[in-house]
PDB file of N, CA and C in Angstrom:
ATOM      1  N   UNK A   1      14.976  15.343   7.935  1.00  0.00           N
ATOM      2  CA  UNK A   1      14.475  13.998   7.701  1.00  0.00           C
ATOM      3  C   UNK A   1      13.449  14.052   6.556  1.00  0.00           C
ATOM      4  N   UNK A   2      13.688  13.286   5.507  1.00  0.00           N
ATOM      5  CA  UNK A   2      12.815  13.302   4.334  1.00  0.00           C
ATOM      6  C   UNK A   2      11.596  12.404   4.478  1.00  0.00           C
ATOM      7  N   UNK A   3      11.751  11.334   5.256  1.00  0.00           N
ATOM      8  CA  UNK A   3      10.659  10.386   5.477  1.00  0.00           C
ATOM      9  C   UNK A   3      10.665   9.980   6.947  1.00  0.00           C
ATOM     10  N   UNK A   4       9.482   9.880   7.520  1.00  0.00           N
ATOM     11  CA  UNK A   4       9.385   9.406   8.900  1.00  0.00           C
ATOM     12  C   UNK A   4       8.433   8.216   8.934  1.00  0.00           C
ATOM     13  N   UNK A   5       8.602   7.394   9.964  1.00  0.00           N
ATOM     14  CA  UNK A   5       7.740   6.224  10.113  1.00  0.00           C
ATOM     15  C   UNK A   5       7.107   6.225  11.493  1.00  0.00           C
ATOM     16  N   UNK A   6       5.901   5.694  11.543  1.00  0.00           N
ATOM     17  CA  UNK A   6       5.166   5.561  12.797  1.00  0.00           C
ATOM     18  C   UNK A   6       4.347   4.284  12.726  1.00  0.00           C
ATOM     19  N   UNK A   7       4.422   3.500  13.771  1.00  0.00           N
ATOM     20  CA  UNK A   7       3.678   2.233  13.817  1.00  0.00           C
ATOM     21  C   UNK A   7       2.395   2.449  14.615  1.00  0.00           C
ATOM     22  N   UNK A   8       1.266   2.138  14.010  1.00  0.00           N
ATOM     23  CA  UNK A   8      -0.035   2.211  14.662  1.00  0.00           C
ATOM     24  C   UNK A   8      -0.679   0.845  14.530  1.00  0.00           C
ATOM     25  N   UNK A   9      -0.750   0.136  15.622  1.00  0.00           N
ATOM     26  CA  UNK A   9      -1.220  -1.249  15.608  1.00  0.00           C
ATOM     27  C   UNK A   9      -0.374  -2.036  14.605  1.00  0.00           C
ATOM     28  N   UNK A  10      -1.004  -2.702  13.652  1.00  0.00           N
ATOM     29  CA  UNK A  10      -0.241  -3.500  12.681  1.00  0.00           C
ATOM     30  C   UNK A  10       0.144  -2.709  11.436  1.00  0.00           C
ATOM     31  N   UNK A  11      -0.142  -1.404  11.430  1.00  0.00           N
ATOM     32  CA  UNK A  11       0.068  -0.571  10.247  1.00  0.00           C
ATOM     33  C   UNK A  11       1.288   0.331  10.431  1.00  0.00           C
ATOM     34  N   UNK A  12       2.159   0.353   9.423  1.00  0.00           N
ATOM     35  CA  UNK A  12       3.286   1.281   9.418  1.00  0.00           C
ATOM     36  C   UNK A  12       2.912   2.461   8.529  1.00  0.00           C
ATOM     37  N   UNK A  13       2.999   3.655   9.083  1.00  0.00           N
ATOM     38  CA  UNK A  13       2.718   4.870   8.316  1.00  0.00           C
ATOM     39  C   UNK A  13       4.049   5.516   7.955  1.00  0.00           C
ATOM     40  N   UNK A  14       4.274   5.677   6.666  1.00  0.00           N
ATOM     41  CA  UNK A  14       5.464   6.368   6.169  1.00  0.00           C
ATOM     42  C   UNK A  14       4.997   7.725   5.661  1.00  0.00           C
ATOM     43  N   UNK A  15       5.539   8.783   6.231  1.00  0.00           N
ATOM     44  CA  UNK A  15       5.158  10.136   5.836  1.00  0.00           C
ATOM     45  C   UNK A  15       6.299  10.774   5.068  1.00  0.00           C
ATOM     46  N   UNK A  16       5.971  11.293   3.889  1.00  0.00           N
ATOM     47  CA  UNK A  16       6.960  11.998   3.070  1.00  0.00           C
ATOM     48  C   UNK A  16       6.970  13.470   3.480  1.00  0.00           C
ATOM     49  N   UNK A  17       8.152  13.990   3.789  1.00  0.00           N
ATOM     50  CA  UNK A  17       8.306  15.394   4.175  1.00  0.00           C
ATOM     51  C   UNK A  17       9.011  16.162   3.061  1.00  0.00           C
ATOM     52  N   UNK A  18       8.649  15.852   1.842  1.00  0.00           N
ATOM     53  CA  UNK A  18       9.284  16.460   0.672  1.00  0.00           C
ATOM     54  C   UNK A  18       8.207  16.972  -0.273  1.00  0.00           C
ATOM     55  N   UNK A  19       8.557  17.995  -1.057  1.00  0.00           N
ATOM     56  CA  UNK A  19       7.612  18.520  -2.044  1.00  0.00           C
ATOM     57  C   UNK A  19       7.670  17.744  -3.352  1.00  0.00           C
ATOM     58  N   UNK A  20       8.845  17.176  -3.655  1.00  0.00           N
ATOM     59  CA  UNK A  20       9.008  16.454  -4.918  1.00  0.00           C
ATOM     60  C   UNK A  20       9.521  15.046  -4.652  1.00  0.00           C
ATOM     61  N   UNK A  21       8.769  14.070  -5.117  1.00  0.00           N
ATOM     62  CA  UNK A  21       9.226  12.676  -5.060  1.00  0.00           C
ATOM     63  C   UNK A  21       9.807  12.370  -6.436  1.00  0.00           C
ATOM     64  N   UNK A  22      11.115  12.585  -6.541  1.00  0.00           N
ATOM     65  CA  UNK A  22      11.785  12.461  -7.835  1.00  0.00           C
ATOM     66  C   UNK A  22      13.073  11.659  -7.676  1.00  0.00           C
ATOM     67  N   UNK A  23      13.945  11.751  -8.670  1.00  0.00           N
ATOM     68  CA  UNK A  23      15.176  10.956  -8.663  1.00  0.00           C
ATOM     69  C   UNK A  23      16.073  11.257  -7.467  1.00  0.00           C
ATOM     70  N   UNK A  24      15.908  12.412  -6.871  1.00  0.00           N
ATOM     71  CA  UNK A  24      16.713  12.756  -5.700  1.00  0.00           C
ATOM     72  C   UNK A  24      16.274  11.968  -4.461  1.00  0.00           C
ATOM     73  N   UNK A  25      14.962  11.733  -4.315  1.00  0.00           N
ATOM     74  CA  UNK A  25      14.443  11.130  -3.087  1.00  0.00           C
ATOM     75  C   UNK A  25      13.894   9.717  -3.247  1.00  0.00           C
ATOM     76  N   UNK A  26      13.590   9.295  -4.464  1.00  0.00           N
ATOM     77  CA  UNK A  26      13.003   7.965  -4.682  1.00  0.00           C
ATOM     78  C   UNK A  26      13.893   6.827  -4.166  1.00  0.00           C
ATOM     79  N   UNK A  27      15.213   6.864  -4.391  1.00  0.00           N
ATOM     80  CA  UNK A  27      16.043   5.769  -3.865  1.00  0.00           C
ATOM     81  C   UNK A  27      15.973   5.660  -2.336  1.00  0.00           C
ATOM     82  N   UNK A  28      15.932   6.794  -1.662  1.00  0.00           N
ATOM     83  CA  UNK A  28      15.816   6.783  -0.198  1.00  0.00           C
ATOM     84  C   UNK A  28      14.489   6.155   0.232  1.00  0.00           C
ATOM     85  N   UNK A  29      13.413   6.508  -0.464  1.00  0.00           N
ATOM     86  CA  UNK A  29      12.102   5.953  -0.129  1.00  0.00           C
ATOM     87  C   UNK A  29      12.070   4.447  -0.379  1.00  0.00           C
ATOM     88  N   UNK A  30      12.656   4.004  -1.481  1.00  0.00           N
ATOM     89  CA  UNK A  30      12.747   2.558  -1.743  1.00  0.00           C
ATOM     90  C   UNK A  30      13.492   1.861  -0.614  1.00  0.00           C
ATOM     91  N   UNK A  31      14.560   2.494  -0.142  1.00  0.00           N
ATOM     92  CA  UNK A  31      15.325   1.939   0.967  1.00  0.00           C
ATOM     93  C   UNK A  31      14.503   1.816   2.238  1.00  0.00           C
ATOM     94  N   UNK A  32      13.687   2.823   2.514  1.00  0.00           N
ATOM     95  CA  UNK A  32      12.800   2.775   3.682  1.00  0.00           C
ATOM     96  C   UNK A  32      11.844   1.597   3.556  1.00  0.00           C
ATOM     97  N   UNK A  33      11.225   1.462   2.388  1.00  0.00           N
ATOM     98  CA  UNK A  33      10.268   0.368   2.180  1.00  0.00           C
ATOM     99  C   UNK A  33      10.944  -0.996   2.307  1.00  0.00           C
ATOM    100  N   UNK A  34      12.101  -1.141   1.712  1.00  0.00           N
ATOM    101  CA  UNK A  34      12.816  -2.422   1.759  1.00  0.00           C
ATOM    102  C   UNK A  34      13.209  -2.774   3.191  1.00  0.00           C
ATOM    103  N   UNK A  35      13.767  -1.808   3.911  1.00  0.00           N
ATOM    104  CA  UNK A  35      14.169  -2.036   5.301  1.00  0.00           C
ATOM    105  C   UNK A  35      12.965  -2.417   6.162  1.00  0.00           C
ATOM    106  N   UNK A  36      11.900  -1.647   6.058  1.00  0.00           N
ATOM    107  CA  UNK A  36      10.719  -1.894   6.894  1.00  0.00           C
ATOM    108  C   UNK A  36      10.074  -3.237   6.566  1.00  0.00           C
ATOM    109  N   UNK A  37      10.072  -3.592   5.298  1.00  0.00           N
ATOM    110  CA  UNK A  37       9.504  -4.883   4.909  1.00  0.00           C
ATOM    111  C   UNK A  37      10.328  -6.026   5.488  1.00  0.00           C
ATOM    112  N   UNK A  38      11.649  -5.892   5.452  1.00  0.00           N
ATOM    113  CA  UNK A  38      12.523  -6.928   6.027  1.00  0.00           C
ATOM    114  C   UNK A  38      12.366  -7.023   7.538  1.00  0.00           C
ATOM    115  N   UNK A  39      11.918  -5.932   8.159  1.00  0.00           N
ATOM    116  CA  UNK A  39      11.667  -5.926   9.614  1.00  0.00           C
ATOM    117  C   UNK A  39      10.291  -6.493   9.950  1.00  0.00           C
ATOM    118  N   UNK A  40       9.570  -6.945   8.927  1.00  0.00           N
ATOM    119  CA  UNK A  40       8.275  -7.573   9.166  1.00  0.00           C
ATOM    120  C   UNK A  40       7.071  -6.675   8.979  1.00  0.00           C
ATOM    121  N   UNK A  41       7.291  -5.450   8.535  1.00  0.00           N
ATOM    122  CA  UNK A  41       6.169  -4.537   8.284  1.00  0.00           C
ATOM    123  C   UNK A  41       5.662  -4.740   6.861  1.00  0.00           C
ATOM    124  N   UNK A  42       4.497  -5.368   6.738  1.00  0.00           N
ATOM    125  CA  UNK A  42       3.962  -5.639   5.402  1.00  0.00           C
ATOM    126  C   UNK A  42       2.636  -4.930   5.143  1.00  0.00           C
ATOM    127  N   UNK A  43       2.200  -4.114   6.078  1.00  0.00           N
ATOM    128  CA  UNK A  43       1.025  -3.269   5.871  1.00  0.00           C
ATOM    129  C   UNK A  43       1.492  -1.833   6.039  1.00  0.00           C
ATOM    130  N   UNK A  44       1.586  -1.139   4.906  1.00  0.00           N
ATOM    131  CA  UNK A  44       2.201   0.190   4.885  1.00  0.00           C
ATOM    132  C   UNK A  44       1.262   1.199   4.243  1.00  0.00           C
ATOM    133  N   UNK A  45       1.168   2.358   4.900  1.00  0.00           N
ATOM    134  CA  UNK A  45       0.453   3.501   4.337  1.00  0.00           C
ATOM    135  C   UNK A  45       1.491   4.570   4.032  1.00  0.00           C
ATOM    136  N   UNK A  46       1.490   5.065   2.796  1.00  0.00           N
ATOM    137  CA  UNK A  46       2.378   6.163   2.414  1.00  0.00           C
ATOM    138  C   UNK A  46       1.559   7.443   2.359  1.00  0.00           C
ATOM    139  N   UNK A  47       1.895   8.388   3.236  1.00  0.00           N
ATOM    140  CA  UNK A  47       1.209   9.678   3.295  1.00  0.00           C
ATOM    141  C   UNK A  47       1.969  10.683   2.438  1.00  0.00           C
ATOM    142  N   UNK A  48       1.338  11.082   1.341  1.00  0.00           N
ATOM    143  CA  UNK A  48       1.952  12.022   0.401  1.00  0.00           C
ATOM    144  C   UNK A  48       1.319  13.407   0.473  1.00  0.00           C
ATOM    145  N   UNK A  49       0.713  13.747   1.595  1.00  0.00           N
ATOM    146  CA  UNK A  49      -0.016  15.013   1.689  1.00  0.00           C
ATOM    147  C   UNK A  49       0.884  16.244   1.546  1.00  0.00           C
ATOM    148  N   UNK A  50       2.182  16.111   1.784  1.00  0.00           N
ATOM    149  CA  UNK A  50       3.117  17.238   1.646  1.00  0.00           C
ATOM    150  C   UNK A  50       3.837  17.225   0.302  1.00  0.00           C
ATOM    151  N   UNK A  51       3.547  16.234  -0.523  1.00  0.00           N
ATOM    152  CA  UNK A  51       4.252  16.056  -1.792  1.00  0.00           C
ATOM    153  C   UNK A  51       3.396  16.573  -2.941  1.00  0.00           C
ATOM    154  N   UNK A  52       3.955  17.536  -3.689  1.00  0.00           N
ATOM    155  CA  UNK A  52       3.202  18.184  -4.760  1.00  0.00           C
ATOM    156  C   UNK A  52       3.569  17.684  -6.153  1.00  0.00           C
ATOM    157  N   UNK A  53       4.641  16.889  -6.239  1.00  0.00           N
ATOM    158  CA  UNK A  53       5.111  16.433  -7.552  1.00  0.00           C
ATOM    159  C   UNK A  53       5.695  15.036  -7.413  1.00  0.00           C
ATOM    160  N   UNK A  54       5.459  14.222  -8.427  1.00  0.00           N
ATOM    161  CA  UNK A  54       6.009  12.867  -8.455  1.00  0.00           C
ATOM    162  C   UNK A  54       6.373  12.534  -9.899  1.00  0.00           C
ATOM    163  N   UNK A  55       7.608  12.072 -10.114  1.00  0.00           N
ATOM    164  CA  UNK A  55       8.004  11.663 -11.463  1.00  0.00           C
ATOM    165  C   UNK A  55       8.051  10.139 -11.549  1.00  0.00           C
ATOM    166  N   UNK A  56       8.572   9.622 -12.645  1.00  0.00           N
ATOM    167  CA  UNK A  56       8.567   8.172 -12.867  1.00  0.00           C
ATOM    168  C   UNK A  56       9.395   7.421 -11.824  1.00  0.00           C
ATOM    169  N   UNK A  57      10.459   8.030 -11.324  1.00  0.00           N
ATOM    170  CA  UNK A  57      11.241   7.352 -10.284  1.00  0.00           C
ATOM    171  C   UNK A  57      10.455   7.282  -8.977  1.00  0.00           C
ATOM    172  N   UNK A  58       9.645   8.288  -8.718  1.00  0.00           N
ATOM    173  CA  UNK A  58       8.763   8.246  -7.553  1.00  0.00           C
ATOM    174  C   UNK A  58       7.708   7.169  -7.697  1.00  0.00           C
ATOM    175  N   UNK A  59       7.145   7.059  -8.901  1.00  0.00           N
ATOM    176  CA  UNK A  59       6.166   5.997  -9.162  1.00  0.00           C
ATOM    177  C   UNK A  59       6.812   4.631  -8.989  1.00  0.00           C
ATOM    178  N   UNK A  60       8.060   4.512  -9.400  1.00  0.00           N
ATOM    179  CA  UNK A  60       8.783   3.252  -9.245  1.00  0.00           C
ATOM    180  C   UNK A  60       8.924   2.885  -7.768  1.00  0.00           C
ATOM    181  N   UNK A  61       9.241   3.859  -6.928  1.00  0.00           N
ATOM    182  CA  UNK A  61       9.356   3.604  -5.484  1.00  0.00           C
ATOM    183  C   UNK A  61       8.020   3.148  -4.907  1.00  0.00           C
ATOM    184  N   UNK A  62       6.944   3.760  -5.361  1.00  0.00           N
ATOM    185  CA  UNK A  62       5.603   3.386  -4.908  1.00  0.00           C
ATOM    186  C   UNK A  62       5.287   1.953  -5.326  1.00  0.00           C
ATOM    187  N   UNK A  63       5.642   1.601  -6.550  1.00  0.00           N
ATOM    188  CA  UNK A  63       5.389   0.238  -7.030  1.00  0.00           C
ATOM    189  C   UNK A  63       6.242  -0.795  -6.295  1.00  0.00           C
ATOM    190  N   UNK A  64       7.453  -0.421  -5.907  1.00  0.00           N
ATOM    191  CA  UNK A  64       8.293  -1.317  -5.104  1.00  0.00           C
ATOM    192  C   UNK A  64       7.588  -1.622  -3.787  1.00  0.00           C
ATOM    193  N   UNK A  65       7.067  -0.587  -3.143  1.00  0.00           N
ATOM    194  CA  UNK A  65       6.357  -0.785  -1.872  1.00  0.00           C
ATOM    195  C   UNK A  65       5.148  -1.687  -2.054  1.00  0.00           C
ATOM    196  N   UNK A  66       4.398  -1.453  -3.106  1.00  0.00           N
ATOM    197  CA  UNK A  66       3.210  -2.269  -3.371  1.00  0.00           C
ATOM    198  C   UNK A  66       3.595  -3.737  -3.563  1.00  0.00           C
ATOM    199  N   UNK A  67       4.653  -3.985  -4.324  1.00  0.00           N
ATOM    200  CA  UNK A  67       5.104  -5.361  -4.569  1.00  0.00           C
ATOM    201  C   UNK A  67       5.611  -6.023  -3.288  1.00  0.00           C
ATOM    202  N   UNK A  68       6.419  -5.297  -2.516  1.00  0.00           N
ATOM    203  CA  UNK A  68       6.944  -5.854  -1.265  1.00  0.00           C
ATOM    204  C   UNK A  68       5.815  -6.245  -0.315  1.00  0.00           C
ATOM    205  N   UNK A  69       4.827  -5.387  -0.210  1.00  0.00           N
ATOM    206  CA  UNK A  69       3.693  -5.684   0.681  1.00  0.00           C
ATOM    207  C   UNK A  69       2.899  -6.881   0.169  1.00  0.00           C
ATOM    208  N   UNK A  70       2.607  -6.892  -1.115  1.00  0.00           N
ATOM    209  CA  UNK A  70       1.831  -8.010  -1.672  1.00  0.00           C
ATOM    210  C   UNK A  70       2.582  -9.332  -1.569  1.00  0.00           C
ATOM    211  N   UNK A  71       3.886  -9.295  -1.795  1.00  0.00           N
ATOM    212  CA  UNK A  71       4.689 -10.519  -1.736  1.00  0.00           C
ATOM    213  C   UNK A  71       4.740 -11.122  -0.333  1.00  0.00           C
ATOM    214  N   UNK A  72       4.432 -10.316   0.672  1.00  0.00           N
ATOM    215  CA  UNK A  72       4.445 -10.800   2.060  1.00  0.00           C
ATOM    216  C   UNK A  72       3.033 -10.785   2.654  1.00  0.00           C
ATOM    217  N   UNK A  73       2.033 -10.915   1.768  1.00  0.00           N
ATOM    218  CA  UNK A  73       0.618 -10.978   2.168  1.00  0.00           C
ATOM    219  C   UNK A  73       0.157  -9.761   2.962  1.00  0.00           C
ATOM    220  N   UNK A  74       0.678  -8.603   2.595  1.00  0.00           N
ATOM    221  CA  UNK A  74       0.299  -7.365   3.256  1.00  0.00           C
ATOM    222  C   UNK A  74      -0.486  -6.453   2.332  1.00  0.00           C
ATOM    223  N   UNK A  75      -0.576  -5.203   2.740  1.00  0.00           N
ATOM    224  CA  UNK A  75      -1.339  -4.208   1.999  1.00  0.00           C
ATOM    225  C   UNK A  75      -0.538  -2.917   1.924  1.00  0.00           C
ATOM    226  N   UNK A  76      -0.583  -2.273   0.763  1.00  0.00           N
ATOM    227  CA  UNK A  76       0.034  -0.965   0.587  1.00  0.00           C
ATOM    228  C   UNK A  76      -1.054   0.026   0.205  1.00  0.00           C
ATOM    229  N   UNK A  77      -1.047   1.185   0.861  1.00  0.00           N
ATOM    230  CA  UNK A  77      -2.078   2.198   0.626  1.00  0.00           C
ATOM    231  C   UNK A  77      -1.419   3.568   0.480  1.00  0.00           C
ATOM    232  N   UNK A  78      -1.898   4.336  -0.486  1.00  0.00           N
ATOM    233  CA  UNK A  78      -1.497   5.732  -0.657  1.00  0.00           C
ATOM    234  C   UNK A  78      -2.572   6.625  -0.052  1.00  0.00           C
ATOM    235  N   UNK A  79      -2.154   7.687   0.628  1.00  0.00           N
ATOM    236  CA  UNK A  79      -3.115   8.666   1.139  1.00  0.00           C
ATOM    237  C   UNK A  79      -2.589  10.075   0.894  1.00  0.00           C
ATOM    238  N   UNK A  80      -3.518  11.027   0.883  1.00  0.00           N
ATOM    239  CA  UNK A  80      -3.163  12.434   0.818  1.00  0.00           C
ATOM    240  C   UNK A  80      -2.554  12.897  -0.483  1.00  0.00           C
ATOM    241  N   UNK A  81      -2.923  12.272  -1.581  1.00  0.00           N
ATOM    242  CA  UNK A  81      -2.325  12.664  -2.862  1.00  0.00           C
ATOM    243  C   UNK A  81      -2.803  14.052  -3.284  1.00  0.00           C
ATOM    244  N   UNK A  82      -1.848  14.924  -3.577  1.00  0.00           N
ATOM    245  CA  UNK A  82      -2.148  16.245  -4.105  1.00  0.00           C
ATOM    246  C   UNK A  82      -2.561  16.098  -5.577  1.00  0.00           C
ATOM    247  N   UNK A  83      -3.247  17.103  -6.142  1.00  0.00           N
ATOM    248  CA  UNK A  83      -3.770  16.980  -7.514  1.00  0.00           C
ATOM    249  C   UNK A  83      -2.743  16.550  -8.563  1.00  0.00           C
ATOM    250  N   UNK A  84      -1.539  17.111  -8.541  1.00  0.00           N
ATOM    251  CA  UNK A  84      -0.535  16.738  -9.550  1.00  0.00           C
ATOM    252  C   UNK A  84      -0.058  15.303  -9.387  1.00  0.00           C
ATOM    253  N   UNK A  85       0.061  14.858  -8.145  1.00  0.00           N
ATOM    254  CA  UNK A  85       0.467  13.474  -7.889  1.00  0.00           C
ATOM    255  C   UNK A  85      -0.657  12.530  -8.307  1.00  0.00           C
ATOM    256  N   UNK A  86      -1.879  12.886  -7.957  1.00  0.00           N
ATOM    257  CA  UNK A  86      -3.048  12.087  -8.345  1.00  0.00           C
ATOM    258  C   UNK A  86      -3.111  11.947  -9.870  1.00  0.00           C
ATOM    259  N   UNK A  87      -2.822  13.040 -10.557  1.00  0.00           N
ATOM    260  CA  UNK A  87      -2.856  13.024 -12.020  1.00  0.00           C
ATOM    261  C   UNK A  87      -1.807  12.067 -12.586  1.00  0.00           C
ATOM    262  N   UNK A  88      -0.604  12.084 -12.030  1.00  0.00           N
ATOM    263  CA  UNK A  88       0.450  11.159 -12.486  1.00  0.00           C
ATOM    264  C   UNK A  88       0.040   9.704 -12.260  1.00  0.00           C
ATOM    265  N   UNK A  89      -0.546   9.434 -11.102  1.00  0.00           N
ATOM    266  CA  UNK A  89      -1.014   8.080 -10.784  1.00  0.00           C
ATOM    267  C   UNK A  89      -2.071   7.650 -11.800  1.00  0.00           C
ATOM    268  N   UNK A  90      -2.981   8.557 -12.131  1.00  0.00           N
ATOM    269  CA  UNK A  90      -4.045   8.239 -13.088  1.00  0.00           C
ATOM    270  C   UNK A  90      -3.505   8.069 -14.503  1.00  0.00           C
ATOM    271  N   UNK A  91      -2.577   8.927 -14.914  1.00  0.00           N
ATOM    272  CA  UNK A  91      -1.988   8.816 -16.256  1.00  0.00           C
ATOM    273  C   UNK A  91      -1.303   7.462 -16.424  1.00  0.00           C
ATOM    274  N   UNK A  92      -0.613   7.029 -15.375  1.00  0.00           N
ATOM    275  CA  UNK A  92       0.068   5.728 -15.404  1.00  0.00           C
ATOM    276  C   UNK A  92      -0.904   4.571 -15.148  1.00  0.00           C
ATOM    277  N   UNK A  93      -2.161   4.903 -14.944  1.00  0.00           N
ATOM    278  CA  UNK A  93      -3.236   3.937 -14.664  1.00  0.00           C
ATOM    279  C   UNK A  93      -2.953   3.097 -13.419  1.00  0.00           C
ATOM    280  N   UNK A  94      -2.219   3.684 -12.493  1.00  0.00           N
ATOM    281  CA  UNK A  94      -1.914   2.983 -11.249  1.00  0.00           C
ATOM    282  C   UNK A  94      -3.045   3.107 -10.233  1.00  0.00           C
ATOM    283  N   UNK A  95      -3.979   4.022 -10.495  1.00  0.00           N
ATOM    284  CA  UNK A  95      -5.131   4.143  -9.595  1.00  0.00           C
ATOM    285  C   UNK A  95      -5.985   2.876  -9.637  1.00  0.00           C
ATOM    286  N   UNK A  96      -5.806   2.079 -10.670  1.00  0.00           N
ATOM    287  CA  UNK A  96      -6.533   0.801 -10.785  1.00  0.00           C
ATOM    288  C   UNK A  96      -5.817  -0.326 -10.045  1.00  0.00           C
ATOM    289  N   UNK A  97      -4.537  -0.120  -9.777  1.00  0.00           N
ATOM    290  CA  UNK A  97      -3.700  -1.148  -9.168  1.00  0.00           C
ATOM    291  C   UNK A  97      -3.475  -0.883  -7.679  1.00  0.00           C
ATOM    292  N   UNK A  98      -3.343   0.383  -7.327  1.00  0.00           N
ATOM    293  CA  UNK A  98      -2.987   0.762  -5.960  1.00  0.00           C
ATOM    294  C   UNK A  98      -4.217   1.079  -5.119  1.00  0.00           C
ATOM    295  N   UNK A  99      -4.155   0.705  -3.847  1.00  0.00           N
ATOM    296  CA  UNK A  99      -5.182   1.121  -2.896  1.00  0.00           C
ATOM    297  C   UNK A  99      -4.899   2.574  -2.529  1.00  0.00           C
ATOM    298  N   UNK A 100      -5.938   3.401  -2.493  1.00  0.00           N
ATOM    299  CA  UNK A 100      -5.720   4.801  -2.132  1.00  0.00           C
ATOM    300  C   UNK A 100      -6.951   5.382  -1.452  1.00  0.00           C
ATOM    301  N   UNK A 101      -6.687   6.286  -0.526  1.00  0.00           N
ATOM    302  CA  UNK A 101      -7.723   6.999   0.210  1.00  0.00           C
ATOM    303  C   UNK A 101      -7.352   8.472   0.228  1.00  0.00           C
ATOM    304  N   UNK A 102      -8.351   9.320   0.406  1.00  0.00           N
ATOM    305  CA  UNK A 102      -8.098  10.761   0.454  1.00  0.00           C
ATOM    306  C   UNK A 102      -7.314  11.151   1.704  1.00  0.00           C
ATOM    307  N   UNK A 103      -7.651  10.530   2.840  1.00  0.00           N
ATOM    308  CA  UNK A 103      -7.016  10.913   4.099  1.00  0.00           C
ATOM    309  C   UNK A 103      -6.473   9.696   4.842  1.00  0.00           C
ATOM    310  N   UNK A 104      -5.575   9.978   5.761  1.00  0.00           N
ATOM    311  CA  UNK A 104      -4.997   8.933   6.602  1.00  0.00           C
ATOM    312  C   UNK A 104      -6.067   8.302   7.490  1.00  0.00           C
ATOM    313  N   UNK A 105      -6.950   9.127   8.032  1.00  0.00           N
ATOM    314  CA  UNK A 105      -7.991   8.584   8.919  1.00  0.00           C
ATOM    315  C   UNK A 105      -8.921   7.630   8.176  1.00  0.00           C
ATOM    316  N   UNK A 106      -9.220   7.927   6.915  1.00  0.00           N
ATOM    317  CA  UNK A 106     -10.044   7.010   6.108  1.00  0.00           C
ATOM    318  C   UNK A 106      -9.329   5.674   5.923  1.00  0.00           C
ATOM    319  N   UNK A 107      -8.051   5.732   5.627  1.00  0.00           N
ATOM    320  CA  UNK A 107      -7.282   4.499   5.419  1.00  0.00           C
ATOM    321  C   UNK A 107      -7.194   3.691   6.705  1.00  0.00           C
ATOM    322  N   UNK A 108      -6.962   4.363   7.822  1.00  0.00           N
ATOM    323  CA  UNK A 108      -6.848   3.659   9.101  1.00  0.00           C
ATOM    324  C   UNK A 108      -8.166   3.033   9.528  1.00  0.00           C
ATOM    325  N   UNK A 109      -9.275   3.657   9.174  1.00  0.00           N
ATOM    326  CA  UNK A 109     -10.582   3.098   9.547  1.00  0.00           C
ATOM    327  C   UNK A 109     -10.825   1.765   8.850  1.00  0.00           C
ATOM    328  N   UNK A 110     -10.102   1.530   7.777  1.00  0.00           N
ATOM    329  CA  UNK A 110     -10.202   0.259   7.063  1.00  0.00           C
ATOM    330  C   UNK A 110      -9.634  -0.898   7.896  1.00  0.00           C
ATOM    331  N   UNK A 111      -8.824  -0.571   8.916  1.00  0.00           N
ATOM    332  CA  UNK A 111      -8.180  -1.592   9.740  1.00  0.00           C
ATOM    333  C   UNK A 111      -8.816  -1.739  11.117  1.00  0.00           C
ATOM    334  N   UNK A 112      -9.890  -1.022  11.370  1.00  0.00           N
ATOM    335  CA  UNK A 112     -10.541  -1.103  12.691  1.00  0.00           C
ATOM    336  C   UNK A 112     -11.546  -2.216  12.752  1.00  0.00           C
TER     337      UNK A 112
END
């Protein structure tokens, strides 16, 4: 299983179990986000703590999630970004657009 989901109160946590979020896995992740959003989940946390690399297709999947959540008055949050992933987010200047926390517990405390 490349991605798993867990519902905690009103928050859906999507955990990536892959080292590379690239063209091989980005379409699957987009599918997860689209399906979950259609099921009414509009507050999503993506845990990337196991992901060491992200390319432009991975960034595209992340932006799809952000748009889906915003379009349904929800929130999208990234957590656990490894240094290389963080660098890609910063290079693309998405750190200014996306909500992000270092850890899952920090992000969840925002909803308490």
